[in-house]
Amino acid sequence: MGYHTLDPATLPTAPDHPCDRRSLTEAVDLATLAAAVYTLEPGDPLAQEYHYHDQREELFYVLSGTLRVETPEGGYEVGPEEAFVVEPKSPIRPHNPDGAEGPVRVLGVGAPKFDIGKPYDPEANGAGT
């Protein structure tokens, strides 16, 4: 059996990520679940690019601030203590827009962890931005 108590503030940040990302998955070597805490300053994207996953289901739980999520069907605003759920093959661009009043903190989880995001181009797919 294995149990872990983690303080995300003590975990290293991902140097190649566009916002402050603290990986719970890497800290305890989870086998199938991707989990991280993100802090997005105004203008920061949560992910490297507008993307989708073939198999991964994702959940973004907003701890503080308001997360904006762009999709081909329109935009969403996800406030504190709200969750945004993404089904496989559903393109998203989660971000904290320029001009936002402050940072956004988000707990993001998804499975399976090995399903890396694929780029989505809204222009090429007939969706507006």
N, C-alpha and C. Protein backbone atom coordinates (compact mmCIF):
# COMPACT_ATOMS: atom_id res chain seq x y z
N MET A 1 0.85 -1.18 0.00
CA MET A 1 0.00 0.00 0.00
C MET A 1 0.89 1.23 0.00
N GLY A 2 0.36 2.30 -0.57
CA GLY A 2 1.11 3.53 -0.58
C GLY A 2 0.21 4.73 -0.37
N TYR A 3 0.67 5.64 0.47
CA TYR A 3 -0.08 6.86 0.77
C TYR A 3 0.90 8.03 0.74
N HIS A 4 0.41 9.19 0.34
CA HIS A 4 1.28 10.35 0.24
C HIS A 4 0.51 11.60 0.64
N THR A 5 1.17 12.48 1.34
CA THR A 5 0.66 13.81 1.62
C THR A 5 1.60 14.78 0.93
N LEU A 6 1.06 15.65 0.10
CA LEU A 6 1.88 16.55 -0.69
C LEU A 6 1.47 18.00 -0.48
N ASP A 7 2.44 18.88 -0.46
CA ASP A 7 2.21 20.31 -0.51
C ASP A 7 2.72 20.78 -1.86
N PRO A 8 1.83 21.09 -2.81
CA PRO A 8 2.28 21.46 -4.15
C PRO A 8 3.29 22.61 -4.15
N ALA A 9 3.22 23.51 -3.18
CA ALA A 9 4.14 24.65 -3.13
C ALA A 9 5.59 24.20 -2.96
N THR A 10 5.80 23.00 -2.43
CA THR A 10 7.17 22.52 -2.21
C THR A 10 7.70 21.71 -3.38
N LEU A 11 6.87 21.44 -4.37
CA LEU A 11 7.29 20.64 -5.52
C LEU A 11 7.98 21.54 -6.55
N PRO A 12 8.88 20.97 -7.34
CA PRO A 12 9.55 21.78 -8.38
C PRO A 12 8.57 22.17 -9.49
N THR A 13 8.85 23.29 -10.12
CA THR A 13 8.04 23.72 -11.25
C THR A 13 8.56 23.03 -12.52
N ALA A 14 7.69 22.91 -13.50
CA ALA A 14 8.08 22.33 -14.79
C ALA A 14 8.70 23.46 -15.62
N PRO A 15 10.01 23.41 -15.87
CA PRO A 15 10.69 24.53 -16.54
C PRO A 15 10.24 24.76 -17.99
N ASP A 16 9.69 23.76 -18.65
CA ASP A 16 9.28 23.90 -20.05
C ASP A 16 7.80 24.19 -20.21
N HIS A 17 7.12 24.51 -19.11
CA HIS A 17 5.68 24.75 -19.16
C HIS A 17 5.39 26.26 -19.21
N PRO A 18 4.29 26.69 -19.86
CA PRO A 18 4.03 28.12 -20.01
C PRO A 18 3.49 28.82 -18.75
N CYS A 19 3.19 28.06 -17.71
CA CYS A 19 2.76 28.65 -16.44
C CYS A 19 3.42 27.85 -15.31
N ASP A 20 3.18 28.26 -14.08
CA ASP A 20 3.72 27.53 -12.93
C ASP A 20 2.94 26.22 -12.80
N ARG A 21 3.60 25.10 -13.05
CA ARG A 21 2.97 23.77 -12.99
C ARG A 21 3.74 22.92 -12.00
N ARG A 22 3.03 22.37 -11.01
CA ARG A 22 3.62 21.51 -9.99
C ARG A 22 3.00 20.12 -10.13
N SER A 23 3.79 19.15 -10.58
CA SER A 23 3.28 17.81 -10.90
C SER A 23 3.18 16.92 -9.68
N LEU A 24 1.96 16.54 -9.33
CA LEU A 24 1.73 15.56 -8.28
C LEU A 24 2.09 14.17 -8.80
N THR A 25 1.83 13.94 -10.08
CA THR A 25 2.12 12.66 -10.72
C THR A 25 3.59 12.31 -10.60
N GLU A 26 4.45 13.25 -10.96
CA GLU A 26 5.89 13.00 -10.91
C GLU A 26 6.40 12.87 -9.48
N ALA A 27 5.80 13.62 -8.56
CA ALA A 27 6.26 13.61 -7.17
C ALA A 27 6.12 12.23 -6.53
N VAL A 28 5.07 11.50 -6.91
CA VAL A 28 4.84 10.19 -6.30
C VAL A 28 4.82 9.06 -7.33
N ASP A 29 5.19 9.37 -8.57
CA ASP A 29 5.30 8.39 -9.64
C ASP A 29 4.00 7.62 -9.86
N LEU A 30 2.91 8.38 -10.09
CA LEU A 30 1.63 7.75 -10.37
C LEU A 30 1.69 7.01 -11.71
N ALA A 31 1.05 5.87 -11.78
CA ALA A 31 1.14 5.02 -12.97
C ALA A 31 0.17 5.42 -14.09
N THR A 32 -1.05 5.84 -13.75
CA THR A 32 -2.05 6.07 -14.79
C THR A 32 -2.72 7.45 -14.74
N LEU A 33 -2.57 8.18 -13.66
CA LEU A 33 -3.26 9.46 -13.49
C LEU A 33 -2.29 10.62 -13.64
N ALA A 34 -2.64 11.59 -14.47
CA ALA A 34 -1.90 12.84 -14.56
C ALA A 34 -2.57 13.82 -13.61
N ALA A 35 -1.80 14.44 -12.72
CA ALA A 35 -2.35 15.40 -11.77
C ALA A 35 -1.31 16.49 -11.50
N ALA A 36 -1.78 17.74 -11.53
CA ALA A 36 -0.88 18.86 -11.29
C ALA A 36 -1.67 20.05 -10.76
N VAL A 37 -0.96 20.93 -10.06
CA VAL A 37 -1.53 22.20 -9.64
C VAL A 37 -0.87 23.28 -10.50
N TYR A 38 -1.70 24.14 -11.08
CA TYR A 38 -1.24 25.18 -11.98
C TYR A 38 -1.55 26.55 -11.37
N THR A 39 -0.64 27.49 -11.52
CA THR A 39 -0.89 28.88 -11.21
C THR A 39 -0.63 29.68 -12.47
N LEU A 40 -1.66 30.35 -12.94
CA LEU A 40 -1.59 31.11 -14.19
C LEU A 40 -1.68 32.60 -13.87
N GLU A 41 -0.63 33.33 -14.18
CA GLU A 41 -0.66 34.78 -14.06
C GLU A 41 -1.44 35.33 -15.25
N PRO A 42 -1.90 36.59 -15.20
CA PRO A 42 -2.59 37.15 -16.36
C PRO A 42 -1.74 36.99 -17.63
N GLY A 43 -2.38 36.50 -18.68
CA GLY A 43 -1.70 36.26 -19.95
C GLY A 43 -1.13 34.87 -20.11
N ASP A 44 -1.15 34.05 -19.05
CA ASP A 44 -0.58 32.70 -19.12
C ASP A 44 -1.58 31.69 -19.66
N PRO A 45 -1.13 30.81 -20.58
CA PRO A 45 -1.93 29.64 -20.94
C PRO A 45 -1.65 28.52 -19.94
N LEU A 46 -2.61 27.63 -19.75
CA LEU A 46 -2.39 26.47 -18.87
C LEU A 46 -1.58 25.41 -19.61
N ALA A 47 -1.91 25.19 -20.87
CA ALA A 47 -1.24 24.16 -21.68
C ALA A 47 -0.32 24.82 -22.71
N GLN A 48 0.55 24.04 -23.29
CA GLN A 48 1.48 24.54 -24.28
C GLN A 48 0.76 25.11 -25.51
N GLU A 49 -0.40 24.54 -25.87
CA GLU A 49 -1.10 24.96 -27.08
C GLU A 49 -2.57 24.54 -27.01
N TYR A 50 -3.37 25.08 -27.92
CA TYR A 50 -4.74 24.62 -28.12
C TYR A 50 -4.61 23.16 -28.52
N HIS A 51 -5.29 22.24 -27.82
CA HIS A 51 -5.04 20.82 -28.04
C HIS A 51 -6.24 19.96 -27.68
N TYR A 52 -6.10 18.68 -27.99
CA TYR A 52 -7.09 17.67 -27.58
C TYR A 52 -6.34 16.37 -27.29
N HIS A 53 -7.04 15.44 -26.66
CA HIS A 53 -6.48 14.12 -26.36
C HIS A 53 -7.38 13.06 -27.00
N ASP A 54 -6.77 12.01 -27.52
CA ASP A 54 -7.55 10.93 -28.12
C ASP A 54 -8.34 10.14 -27.07
N GLN A 55 -7.74 9.88 -25.91
CA GLN A 55 -8.37 9.03 -24.90
C GLN A 55 -8.55 9.69 -23.54
N ARG A 56 -7.75 10.69 -23.23
CA ARG A 56 -7.73 11.25 -21.87
C ARG A 56 -9.00 12.02 -21.54
N GLU A 57 -9.53 11.71 -20.38
CA GLU A 57 -10.58 12.52 -19.77
C GLU A 57 -9.87 13.47 -18.81
N GLU A 58 -10.30 14.74 -18.82
CA GLU A 58 -9.65 15.73 -17.96
C GLU A 58 -10.68 16.45 -17.10
N LEU A 59 -10.20 16.87 -15.93
CA LEU A 59 -11.01 17.67 -15.03
C LEU A 59 -10.13 18.78 -14.50
N PHE A 60 -10.63 20.02 -14.60
CA PHE A 60 -9.94 21.18 -14.07
C PHE A 60 -10.80 21.76 -12.96
N TYR A 61 -10.29 21.73 -11.73
CA TYR A 61 -11.00 22.28 -10.58
C TYR A 61 -10.33 23.59 -10.20
N VAL A 62 -11.09 24.68 -10.26
CA VAL A 62 -10.53 26.00 -10.00
C VAL A 62 -10.51 26.24 -8.49
N LEU A 63 -9.30 26.47 -7.98
CA LEU A 63 -9.11 26.74 -6.55
C LEU A 63 -9.34 28.22 -6.24
N SER A 64 -8.85 29.10 -7.14
CA SER A 64 -9.06 30.54 -6.97
C SER A 64 -8.93 31.22 -8.33
N GLY A 65 -9.56 32.38 -8.46
CA GLY A 65 -9.55 33.10 -9.72
C GLY A 65 -10.60 32.54 -10.67
N THR A 66 -10.50 32.94 -11.93
CA THR A 66 -11.43 32.47 -12.96
C THR A 66 -10.63 31.96 -14.15
N LEU A 67 -10.82 30.69 -14.48
CA LEU A 67 -10.17 30.08 -15.63
C LEU A 67 -11.04 30.29 -16.86
N ARG A 68 -10.43 30.74 -17.95
CA ARG A 68 -11.14 30.84 -19.22
C ARG A 68 -10.74 29.64 -20.05
N VAL A 69 -11.71 29.02 -20.72
CA VAL A 69 -11.45 27.86 -21.57
C VAL A 69 -12.08 28.12 -22.92
N GLU A 70 -11.24 28.17 -23.94
CA GLU A 70 -11.70 28.34 -25.32
C GLU A 70 -11.92 26.96 -25.92
N THR A 71 -13.04 26.79 -26.62
CA THR A 71 -13.36 25.55 -27.33
C THR A 71 -13.89 25.92 -28.70
N PRO A 72 -13.97 24.97 -29.63
CA PRO A 72 -14.57 25.28 -30.94
C PRO A 72 -16.03 25.72 -30.84
N GLU A 73 -16.71 25.35 -29.75
CA GLU A 73 -18.12 25.69 -29.57
C GLU A 73 -18.34 27.01 -28.85
N GLY A 74 -17.27 27.61 -28.33
CA GLY A 74 -17.40 28.87 -27.59
C GLY A 74 -16.52 28.86 -26.36
N GLY A 75 -16.60 29.94 -25.60
CA GLY A 75 -15.77 30.08 -24.41
C GLY A 75 -16.53 29.79 -23.13
N TYR A 76 -15.78 29.39 -22.12
CA TYR A 76 -16.33 29.11 -20.80
C TYR A 76 -15.54 29.89 -19.77
N GLU A 77 -16.22 30.32 -18.71
CA GLU A 77 -15.58 30.90 -17.55
C GLU A 77 -15.86 29.98 -16.38
N VAL A 78 -14.79 29.53 -15.74
CA VAL A 78 -14.91 28.58 -14.64
C VAL A 78 -14.40 29.27 -13.38
N GLY A 79 -15.30 29.49 -12.43
CA GLY A 79 -14.95 30.23 -11.23
C GLY A 79 -14.47 29.36 -10.09
N PRO A 80 -14.13 29.99 -8.97
CA PRO A 80 -13.64 29.25 -7.80
C PRO A 80 -14.64 28.18 -7.36
N GLU A 81 -14.09 27.04 -7.01
CA GLU A 81 -14.86 25.89 -6.54
C GLU A 81 -15.79 25.32 -7.62
N GLU A 82 -15.47 25.61 -8.89
CA GLU A 82 -16.19 24.99 -10.01
C GLU A 82 -15.22 24.10 -10.77
N ALA A 83 -15.78 23.10 -11.45
CA ALA A 83 -14.97 22.17 -12.23
C ALA A 83 -15.38 22.24 -13.69
N PHE A 84 -14.40 22.05 -14.56
CA PHE A 84 -14.62 21.97 -16.00
C PHE A 84 -14.15 20.60 -16.44
N VAL A 85 -15.02 19.81 -17.07
CA VAL A 85 -14.70 18.44 -17.47
C VAL A 85 -14.61 18.38 -18.99
N VAL A 86 -13.57 17.70 -19.47
CA VAL A 86 -13.31 17.59 -20.90
C VAL A 86 -13.29 16.12 -21.31
N GLU A 87 -14.11 15.78 -22.28
CA GLU A 87 -14.14 14.41 -22.80
C GLU A 87 -13.06 14.24 -23.86
N PRO A 88 -12.65 13.01 -24.14
CA PRO A 88 -11.67 12.77 -25.20
C PRO A 88 -12.11 13.39 -26.53
N LYS A 89 -11.12 13.79 -27.33
CA LYS A 89 -11.31 14.36 -28.67
C LYS A 89 -11.99 15.73 -28.65
N SER A 90 -12.00 16.39 -27.48
CA SER A 90 -12.62 17.71 -27.33
C SER A 90 -11.52 18.77 -27.19
N PRO A 91 -11.31 19.60 -28.21
CA PRO A 91 -10.24 20.60 -28.16
C PRO A 91 -10.48 21.68 -27.11
N ILE A 92 -9.40 22.09 -26.45
CA ILE A 92 -9.48 23.13 -25.42
C ILE A 92 -8.23 24.01 -25.45
N ARG A 93 -8.43 25.25 -24.98
CA ARG A 93 -7.33 26.16 -24.72
C ARG A 93 -7.62 26.88 -23.40
N PRO A 94 -7.23 26.25 -22.26
CA PRO A 94 -7.44 26.90 -20.97
C PRO A 94 -6.38 27.98 -20.75
N HIS A 95 -6.82 29.13 -20.21
CA HIS A 95 -5.88 30.23 -20.02
C HIS A 95 -6.42 31.25 -19.03
N ASN A 96 -5.53 32.15 -18.63
CA ASN A 96 -5.88 33.33 -17.85
C ASN A 96 -5.58 34.51 -18.77
N PRO A 97 -6.59 35.21 -19.27
CA PRO A 97 -6.36 36.21 -20.31
C PRO A 97 -5.55 37.41 -19.82
N ASP A 98 -4.92 38.08 -20.79
CA ASP A 98 -4.28 39.37 -20.50
C ASP A 98 -5.34 40.27 -19.88
N GLY A 99 -4.95 41.06 -18.93
CA GLY A 99 -5.89 41.99 -18.31
C GLY A 99 -6.73 41.38 -17.20
N ALA A 100 -6.52 40.11 -16.89
CA ALA A 100 -7.25 39.49 -15.78
C ALA A 100 -6.84 40.19 -14.48
N GLU A 101 -7.71 40.17 -13.50
CA GLU A 101 -7.46 40.87 -12.24
C GLU A 101 -6.37 40.24 -11.39
N GLY A 102 -6.09 38.98 -11.60
CA GLY A 102 -5.07 38.31 -10.79
C GLY A 102 -4.83 36.90 -11.27
N PRO A 103 -4.05 36.14 -10.51
CA PRO A 103 -3.74 34.77 -10.92
C PRO A 103 -4.93 33.83 -10.76
N VAL A 104 -4.81 32.68 -11.41
CA VAL A 104 -5.78 31.60 -11.30
C VAL A 104 -5.01 30.38 -10.80
N ARG A 105 -5.57 29.67 -9.80
CA ARG A 105 -4.99 28.40 -9.34
C ARG A 105 -5.95 27.29 -9.69
N VAL A 106 -5.41 26.23 -10.30
CA VAL A 106 -6.24 25.14 -10.82
C VAL A 106 -5.60 23.80 -10.46
N LEU A 107 -6.43 22.85 -10.03
CA LEU A 107 -6.01 21.46 -9.91
C LEU A 107 -6.49 20.76 -11.18
N GLY A 108 -5.55 20.21 -11.93
CA GLY A 108 -5.90 19.50 -13.15
C GLY A 108 -5.59 18.02 -13.02
N VAL A 109 -6.54 17.17 -13.38
CA VAL A 109 -6.33 15.73 -13.35
C VAL A 109 -6.83 15.13 -14.66
N GLY A 110 -6.18 14.05 -15.08
CA GLY A 110 -6.59 13.39 -16.30
C GLY A 110 -6.07 11.97 -16.36
N ALA A 111 -6.79 11.14 -17.09
CA ALA A 111 -6.36 9.76 -17.28
C ALA A 111 -6.86 9.28 -18.63
N PRO A 112 -6.08 8.49 -19.30
CA PRO A 112 -4.76 7.98 -18.92
C PRO A 112 -3.68 9.05 -19.12
N LYS A 113 -2.66 8.99 -18.27
CA LYS A 113 -1.62 10.02 -18.30
C LYS A 113 -0.76 9.95 -19.55
N PHE A 114 -0.65 8.81 -20.18
CA PHE A 114 0.23 8.64 -21.32
C PHE A 114 -0.33 9.21 -22.62
N ASP A 115 -1.56 9.69 -22.63
CA ASP A 115 -2.19 10.24 -23.84
C ASP A 115 -1.82 11.72 -23.98
N ILE A 116 -0.72 11.98 -24.67
CA ILE A 116 -0.21 13.33 -24.83
C ILE A 116 -1.14 14.13 -25.75
N GLY A 117 -1.30 15.42 -25.43
CA GLY A 117 -2.16 16.29 -26.22
C GLY A 117 -1.67 16.46 -27.65
N LYS A 118 -2.62 16.57 -28.57
CA LYS A 118 -2.32 16.80 -29.98
C LYS A 118 -2.75 18.22 -30.34
N PRO A 119 -1.96 18.92 -31.15
CA PRO A 119 -2.31 20.29 -31.53
C PRO A 119 -3.66 20.36 -32.25
N TYR A 120 -4.38 21.43 -31.96
CA TYR A 120 -5.65 21.70 -32.64
C TYR A 120 -5.55 23.11 -33.23
N ASP A 121 -5.86 23.23 -34.50
CA ASP A 121 -5.84 24.52 -35.18
C ASP A 121 -7.27 24.92 -35.50
N PRO A 122 -7.82 25.89 -34.76
CA PRO A 122 -9.23 26.26 -34.99
C PRO A 122 -9.47 26.84 -36.39
N GLU A 123 -8.48 27.52 -36.95
CA GLU A 123 -8.62 28.08 -38.30
C GLU A 123 -8.75 26.96 -39.33
N ALA A 124 -7.92 25.94 -39.21
CA ALA A 124 -7.93 24.82 -40.17
C ALA A 124 -9.17 23.95 -40.01
N ASN A 125 -9.79 24.01 -38.82
CA ASN A 125 -10.96 23.16 -38.56
C ASN A 125 -12.27 23.93 -38.63
N GLY A 126 -12.22 25.14 -39.14
CA GLY A 126 -13.45 25.90 -39.35
C GLY A 126 -14.06 26.52 -38.12
N ALA A 127 -13.32 26.61 -37.03
CA ALA A 127 -13.84 27.22 -35.81
C ALA A 127 -13.18 28.58 -35.62
N GLY A 128 -13.92 29.54 -35.14
CA GLY A 128 -13.35 30.85 -34.83
C GLY A 128 -12.58 30.81 -33.54
N THR A 129 -11.81 31.83 -33.29
CA THR A 129 -11.07 31.90 -32.01
C THR A 129 -11.72 32.88 -31.09
